[in-house]
């Protein structure tokens, strides 16, 4: 078997390079033709039933309005009741025929089963599932004293998506999801084939509670820390939730397999694939302070301070 592996190790890279040079241009032309067809014949979501988790703010809220404008029935899920009911009322004003707000915690198996069943019992069907609920953990692995405290982020970001998809999959015709569980949804795409469409969304920095400094600490608590937000985001552009939601809606209706929003995120992924060592070095250089220095001393925060000073210097009052 070792000799066979040696032969494959020699031949396979050559065959792969040949295939890329010969077949890749044709493959890209076919993809472009399919993309044009999908744009011309995109899905009409009017009258469809859509479940959106994490719908009380950010991308989930903006998606609720976009689906509402297109005439979809909505089941909106969030752990926070008051803002959820506010979003539900606005979604109806935007044009949704009916909105069902459901207060639930996606990290709990029973809650996920309950709101999926409640949606199907109320509307009689389920067409789209948007697993948007998530939190941003902000701590270093080395700083964790009790590893069990790290589980809330995984419970929400990963298991919340798994639970929802498990209970919704028997009813689904189409499905959209967030990128926190890419491998999970790629596996499901292979398993379900054409029975369930899966659009994997990889958003950049979008205006939401996370981009405003809401993070999960190493103790599993949600806090607002704008200084740490400045370290993480520095001078990176923040896209509006509305713009991101419109891009997701177009992508889902076209039946796209992946969406990178904004487009420049694709360049970052290419750099990470082909220059992984360099991108890791740059990330550490920008985001991690020197030993024994607080995180606010990271270079990314200093760059932001310089940008603020530059902006203040060149900002003149208008009379």
Protein backbone atom coordinates (compact mmCIF):
# COMPACT_ATOMS: atom_id res chain seq x y z
CA UNK A 1 0.00 0.00 0.00
CA UNK A 2 2.89 2.38 0.69
CA UNK A 3 4.21 1.94 -2.85
CA UNK A 4 0.76 2.64 -4.27
CA UNK A 5 0.56 5.83 -2.21
CA UNK A 6 3.97 6.90 -3.52
CA UNK A 7 2.78 6.43 -7.11
CA UNK A 8 -0.43 8.37 -6.40
CA UNK A 9 1.55 11.12 -4.67
CA UNK A 10 3.59 11.53 -7.85
CA UNK A 11 0.81 11.21 -10.46
CA UNK A 12 -2.15 12.91 -8.77
CA UNK A 13 -0.66 16.46 -8.55
CA UNK A 14 0.27 16.26 -12.26
CA UNK A 15 -3.21 15.04 -13.22
CA UNK A 16 -4.82 17.71 -11.04
CA UNK A 17 -2.75 20.48 -12.64
CA UNK A 18 -3.59 19.16 -16.12
CA UNK A 19 -7.30 18.99 -15.27
CA UNK A 20 -7.26 22.57 -13.96
CA UNK A 21 -5.53 23.88 -17.07
CA UNK A 22 -7.71 21.97 -19.54
CA UNK A 23 -11.14 21.68 -17.92
CA UNK A 24 -11.34 24.60 -15.49
CA UNK A 25 -12.01 27.32 -18.12
CA UNK A 26 -14.88 25.24 -19.56
CA UNK A 27 -16.20 24.59 -16.07
CA UNK A 28 -16.22 28.33 -15.31
CA UNK A 29 -18.09 29.08 -18.54
CA UNK A 30 -20.72 26.50 -17.64
CA UNK A 31 -21.04 28.00 -14.15
CA UNK A 32 -21.53 31.46 -15.68
CA UNK A 33 -24.28 30.13 -17.96
CA UNK A 34 -26.03 28.46 -15.01
CA UNK A 35 -25.72 31.67 -12.97
CA UNK A 36 -27.39 33.69 -15.73
CA UNK A 37 -30.26 31.17 -15.87
CA UNK A 38 -30.70 31.32 -12.10
CA UNK A 39 -30.86 35.11 -12.21
CA UNK A 40 -33.53 34.97 -14.93
CA UNK A 41 -35.60 32.30 -13.18
CA UNK A 42 -35.02 32.97 -9.45
CA UNK A 43 -37.42 31.57 -6.86
CA UNK A 44 -40.54 33.50 -5.93
CA UNK A 45 -40.89 33.32 -2.13
CA UNK A 46 -44.36 34.88 -1.98
CA UNK A 47 -46.58 32.57 0.05
CA UNK A 48 -43.63 30.47 1.26
CA UNK A 49 -43.16 29.75 4.97
CA UNK A 50 -39.81 30.83 6.41
CA UNK A 51 -38.24 30.23 9.84
CA UNK A 52 -35.53 32.71 10.84
CA UNK A 53 -33.56 32.26 14.06
CA UNK A 54 -31.81 35.19 15.72
CA UNK A 55 -34.46 37.43 14.17
CA UNK A 56 -34.58 40.18 16.82
CA UNK A 57 -31.59 42.12 15.47
CA UNK A 58 -28.83 42.33 12.87
CA UNK A 59 -28.91 40.14 9.77
CA UNK A 60 -31.87 38.11 11.06
CA UNK A 61 -33.98 41.25 11.49
CA UNK A 62 -33.03 42.55 8.04
CA UNK A 63 -33.83 39.18 6.47
CA UNK A 64 -37.26 39.19 8.14
CA UNK A 65 -38.00 42.52 6.43
CA UNK A 66 -36.70 41.29 3.06
CA UNK A 67 -38.77 38.12 3.18
CA UNK A 68 -41.74 40.21 4.35
CA UNK A 69 -41.41 42.59 1.39
CA UNK A 70 -41.54 39.57 -0.91
CA UNK A 71 -44.75 38.26 0.66
CA UNK A 72 -43.45 35.31 2.69
CA UNK A 73 -45.07 33.93 5.83
CA UNK A 74 -42.63 34.22 8.72
CA UNK A 75 -41.87 32.35 11.93
CA UNK A 76 -39.37 34.53 13.78
CA UNK A 77 -37.33 33.02 16.61
CA UNK A 78 -35.19 34.71 19.24
CA UNK A 79 -34.43 34.40 22.93
CA UNK A 80 -35.34 38.07 23.51
CA UNK A 81 -39.10 38.59 23.49
CA UNK A 82 -39.60 42.36 23.38
CA UNK A 83 -37.39 43.18 20.36
CA UNK A 84 -38.67 40.04 18.60
CA UNK A 85 -42.30 41.21 18.81
CA UNK A 86 -41.23 44.62 17.53
CA UNK A 87 -39.54 43.05 14.49
CA UNK A 88 -42.58 40.83 13.89
CA UNK A 89 -44.89 43.86 13.81
CA UNK A 90 -42.61 45.71 11.38
CA UNK A 91 -42.30 42.65 9.13
CA UNK A 92 -46.08 42.58 8.76
CA UNK A 93 -46.04 46.27 7.88
CA UNK A 94 -43.42 45.53 5.21
CA UNK A 95 -45.82 43.09 3.55
CA UNK A 96 -45.67 39.67 5.20
CA UNK A 97 -49.18 38.10 5.21
CA UNK A 98 -48.63 36.70 8.71
CA UNK A 99 -45.79 36.64 11.23
CA UNK A 100 -45.48 34.15 14.09
CA UNK A 101 -43.01 35.33 16.78
CA UNK A 102 -41.61 32.47 18.87
CA UNK A 103 -39.43 33.07 21.93
CA UNK A 104 -36.94 30.19 22.18
CA UNK A 105 -33.33 29.30 22.91
CA UNK A 106 -31.72 27.53 19.93
CA UNK A 107 -29.09 25.96 22.19
CA UNK A 108 -31.84 23.83 23.76
CA UNK A 109 -32.99 20.74 21.85
CA UNK A 110 -36.55 20.92 23.20
CA UNK A 111 -36.95 24.57 22.18
CA UNK A 112 -35.85 23.84 18.61
CA UNK A 113 -38.28 20.96 18.30
CA UNK A 114 -41.04 23.12 19.76
CA UNK A 115 -40.73 26.10 17.42
CA UNK A 116 -40.30 23.95 14.28
CA UNK A 117 -43.41 21.95 15.16
CA UNK A 118 -45.31 25.12 16.10
CA UNK A 119 -44.47 26.60 12.70
CA UNK A 120 -45.63 23.53 10.77
CA UNK A 121 -48.82 23.22 12.86
CA UNK A 122 -49.62 26.91 12.38
CA UNK A 123 -48.82 27.31 8.67
CA UNK A 124 -49.10 23.69 7.52
CA UNK A 125 -45.69 23.67 5.82
CA UNK A 126 -42.08 24.85 5.97
CA UNK A 127 -40.11 26.00 2.92
CA UNK A 128 -37.04 27.93 4.11
CA UNK A 129 -34.93 27.67 7.25
CA UNK A 130 -32.45 30.46 8.07
CA UNK A 131 -30.20 29.46 10.98
CA UNK A 132 -28.86 32.90 11.80
CA UNK A 133 -28.67 32.87 15.61
CA UNK A 134 -25.12 33.17 16.92
CA UNK A 135 -22.75 34.79 19.39
CA UNK A 136 -19.14 35.96 19.07
CA UNK A 137 -16.82 34.42 21.70
CA UNK A 138 -13.93 36.74 22.48
CA UNK A 139 -11.16 35.12 24.50
CA UNK A 140 -7.95 33.19 23.98
CA UNK A 141 -7.94 29.42 24.39
CA UNK A 142 -5.05 29.72 26.84
CA UNK A 143 -7.15 32.02 29.06
CA UNK A 144 -9.89 29.44 29.65
CA UNK A 145 -9.76 28.15 33.22
CA UNK A 146 -12.87 25.96 33.02
CA UNK A 147 -13.33 24.42 29.55
CA UNK A 148 -17.02 23.79 30.24
CA UNK A 149 -17.51 27.58 30.17
CA UNK A 150 -16.66 27.53 26.45
CA UNK A 151 -19.65 25.32 25.61
CA UNK A 152 -22.35 28.06 25.40
CA UNK A 153 -20.84 29.50 22.19
CA UNK A 154 -20.74 26.05 20.55
CA UNK A 155 -24.23 25.26 21.84
CA UNK A 156 -25.61 28.34 20.08
CA UNK A 157 -23.44 28.61 16.96
CA UNK A 158 -23.11 24.92 16.08
CA UNK A 159 -25.67 22.81 17.92
CA UNK A 160 -28.34 25.48 17.47
CA UNK A 161 -28.00 25.04 13.71
CA UNK A 162 -27.85 21.24 13.96
CA UNK A 163 -30.97 21.01 16.16
CA UNK A 164 -33.02 23.29 13.93
CA UNK A 165 -31.98 21.48 10.76
CA UNK A 166 -32.67 18.05 12.27
CA UNK A 167 -36.26 18.88 13.14
CA UNK A 168 -36.91 20.96 10.00
CA UNK A 169 -35.38 18.65 7.38
CA UNK A 170 -38.48 16.42 6.96
CA UNK A 171 -40.52 19.48 5.95
CA UNK A 172 -37.98 21.51 4.00
CA UNK A 173 -38.06 22.26 0.31
CA UNK A 174 -35.36 24.94 0.39
CA UNK A 175 -32.92 25.93 3.11
CA UNK A 176 -30.53 28.85 3.80
CA UNK A 177 -27.95 28.91 6.58
CA UNK A 178 -25.09 30.87 8.09
CA UNK A 179 -21.46 29.98 7.70
CA UNK A 180 -20.63 28.99 11.27
CA UNK A 181 -21.25 25.33 10.41
CA UNK A 182 -20.03 25.11 6.81
CA UNK A 183 -18.76 21.53 7.03
CA UNK A 184 -22.05 20.37 8.55
CA UNK A 185 -24.15 21.87 5.76
CA UNK A 186 -21.78 20.69 3.03
CA UNK A 187 -22.25 17.16 4.36
CA UNK A 188 -26.03 17.61 4.38
CA UNK A 189 -25.92 18.89 0.80
CA UNK A 190 -24.24 15.64 -0.23
CA UNK A 191 -26.76 13.55 1.73
CA UNK A 192 -29.94 15.32 0.63
CA UNK A 193 -28.90 15.99 -2.98
CA UNK A 194 -31.51 18.03 -4.85
CA UNK A 195 -34.25 17.36 -2.26
CA UNK A 196 -33.12 20.28 -0.10
CA UNK A 197 -31.25 23.30 -1.41
CA UNK A 198 -28.48 24.61 0.86
CA UNK A 199 -27.07 28.12 0.52
CA UNK A 200 -24.02 28.66 2.74
CA UNK A 201 -23.50 32.34 3.56
CA UNK A 202 -20.10 33.68 4.66
CA UNK A 203 -20.67 37.32 5.67
CA UNK A 204 -17.97 39.82 6.49
CA UNK A 205 -18.41 42.41 9.22
CA UNK A 206 -22.10 43.33 9.25
CA UNK A 207 -23.78 46.00 11.35
CA UNK A 208 -25.27 44.04 14.28
CA UNK A 209 -24.91 43.62 18.02
CA UNK A 210 -21.65 41.74 17.41
CA UNK A 211 -20.12 44.58 15.38
CA UNK A 212 -21.20 46.98 18.14
CA UNK A 213 -19.18 45.08 20.73
CA UNK A 214 -21.43 42.30 22.09
CA UNK A 215 -19.21 39.29 22.80
CA UNK A 216 -19.22 36.11 24.88
CA UNK A 217 -16.49 36.03 27.54
CA UNK A 218 -14.49 33.00 28.68
CA UNK A 219 -17.02 32.65 31.55
CA UNK A 220 -19.88 32.16 29.08
CA UNK A 221 -21.40 35.60 29.74
CA UNK A 222 -22.52 38.10 27.10
CA UNK A 223 -20.96 41.54 27.56
CA UNK A 224 -20.61 44.75 25.55
CA UNK A 225 -16.98 45.82 25.19
CA UNK A 226 -16.38 48.49 22.55
CA UNK A 227 -12.64 48.59 23.20
CA UNK A 228 -12.26 44.92 22.34
CA UNK A 229 -14.51 45.47 19.33
CA UNK A 230 -12.06 48.12 18.10
CA UNK A 231 -9.21 45.62 18.45
CA UNK A 232 -11.04 42.96 16.44
CA UNK A 233 -12.45 45.19 13.69
CA UNK A 234 -10.05 48.13 13.54
CA UNK A 235 -10.60 50.08 10.29
CA UNK A 236 -12.38 47.25 8.45
CA UNK A 237 -15.56 48.43 6.67
CA UNK A 238 -18.88 47.47 8.26
CA UNK A 239 -21.65 46.53 5.84
CA UNK A 240 -25.26 47.43 6.65
CA UNK A 241 -27.52 44.54 7.66
CA UNK A 242 -30.04 45.64 5.02
CA UNK A 243 -27.51 45.38 2.18
CA UNK A 244 -26.33 41.98 3.42
CA UNK A 245 -29.92 40.71 3.70
CA UNK A 246 -30.72 41.78 0.13
CA UNK A 247 -27.66 39.91 -1.14
CA UNK A 248 -28.68 36.79 0.84
CA UNK A 249 -32.24 36.95 -0.52
CA UNK A 250 -31.01 37.16 -4.11
CA UNK A 251 -28.60 34.29 -3.52
CA UNK A 252 -31.22 32.04 -1.90
CA UNK A 253 -33.78 32.71 -4.63
CA UNK A 254 -31.19 31.89 -7.29
CA UNK A 255 -30.34 28.66 -5.50
CA UNK A 256 -26.65 29.52 -5.08
CA UNK A 257 -24.46 27.04 -3.23
CA UNK A 258 -22.30 29.71 -1.57
CA UNK A 259 -22.45 33.45 -0.96
CA UNK A 260 -19.47 35.58 0.10
CA UNK A 261 -20.74 39.01 1.13
CA UNK A 262 -19.19 41.48 0.45
CA UNK A 263 -17.31 40.19 -2.61
CA UNK A 264 -13.85 41.07 -1.27
CA UNK A 265 -14.18 38.30 1.34
CA UNK A 266 -13.39 35.90 -1.52
CA UNK A 267 -9.97 37.53 -1.96
CA UNK A 268 -9.23 36.97 1.74
CA UNK A 269 -10.11 33.29 1.39
CA UNK A 270 -7.85 32.95 -1.65
CA UNK A 271 -4.98 34.54 0.28
CA UNK A 272 -5.63 32.18 3.18
CA UNK A 273 -5.55 29.15 0.85
CA UNK A 274 -2.45 30.09 -1.13
CA UNK A 275 -0.54 32.13 1.46
CA UNK A 276 -1.70 30.59 4.74
CA UNK A 277 1.55 31.25 6.64
CA UNK A 278 1.57 34.92 5.64
CA UNK A 279 -2.09 35.49 6.53
CA UNK A 280 -1.64 33.84 9.93
CA UNK A 281 1.43 36.00 10.61
CA UNK A 282 -0.44 39.19 9.63
CA UNK A 283 -3.43 38.22 11.81
CA UNK A 284 -1.21 37.64 14.85
CA UNK A 285 0.72 40.86 14.15
CA UNK A 286 -2.48 42.91 14.00
CA UNK A 287 -4.69 41.30 16.64
CA UNK A 288 -2.43 39.99 19.40
CA UNK A 289 -0.61 42.34 21.75
CA UNK A 290 2.91 41.71 22.96
CA UNK A 291 3.32 39.34 25.94
CA UNK A 292 2.19 40.84 29.28
CA UNK A 293 0.45 43.73 27.47
CA UNK A 294 -3.35 44.19 27.48
CA UNK A 295 -5.29 43.32 24.32
CA UNK A 296 -6.00 47.04 23.73
CA UNK A 297 -2.30 47.44 22.94
CA UNK A 298 -2.69 45.36 19.77
CA UNK A 299 -1.55 47.03 16.55
CA UNK A 300 -5.06 46.97 15.06
CA UNK A 301 -6.32 49.26 17.84
CA UNK A 302 -3.39 51.63 17.36
CA UNK A 303 -4.16 51.80 13.63
CA UNK A 304 -7.74 52.74 14.51
CA UNK A 305 -6.50 55.46 16.89
CA UNK A 306 -4.36 56.91 14.10
CA UNK A 307 -7.32 56.80 11.72
CA UNK A 308 -9.50 58.65 14.27
CA UNK A 309 -6.79 61.27 14.79
CA UNK A 310 -6.33 61.69 11.02
CA UNK A 311 -10.09 62.07 10.55
CA UNK A 312 -10.34 64.64 13.37
CA UNK A 313 -7.42 66.65 11.99
CA UNK A 314 -8.95 66.94 8.53
CA UNK A 315 -12.52 67.49 9.74
CA UNK A 316 -13.37 71.16 9.59
CA UNK A 317 -16.55 72.74 11.01
CA UNK A 318 -19.08 74.01 8.48
CA UNK A 319 -20.77 77.32 9.10
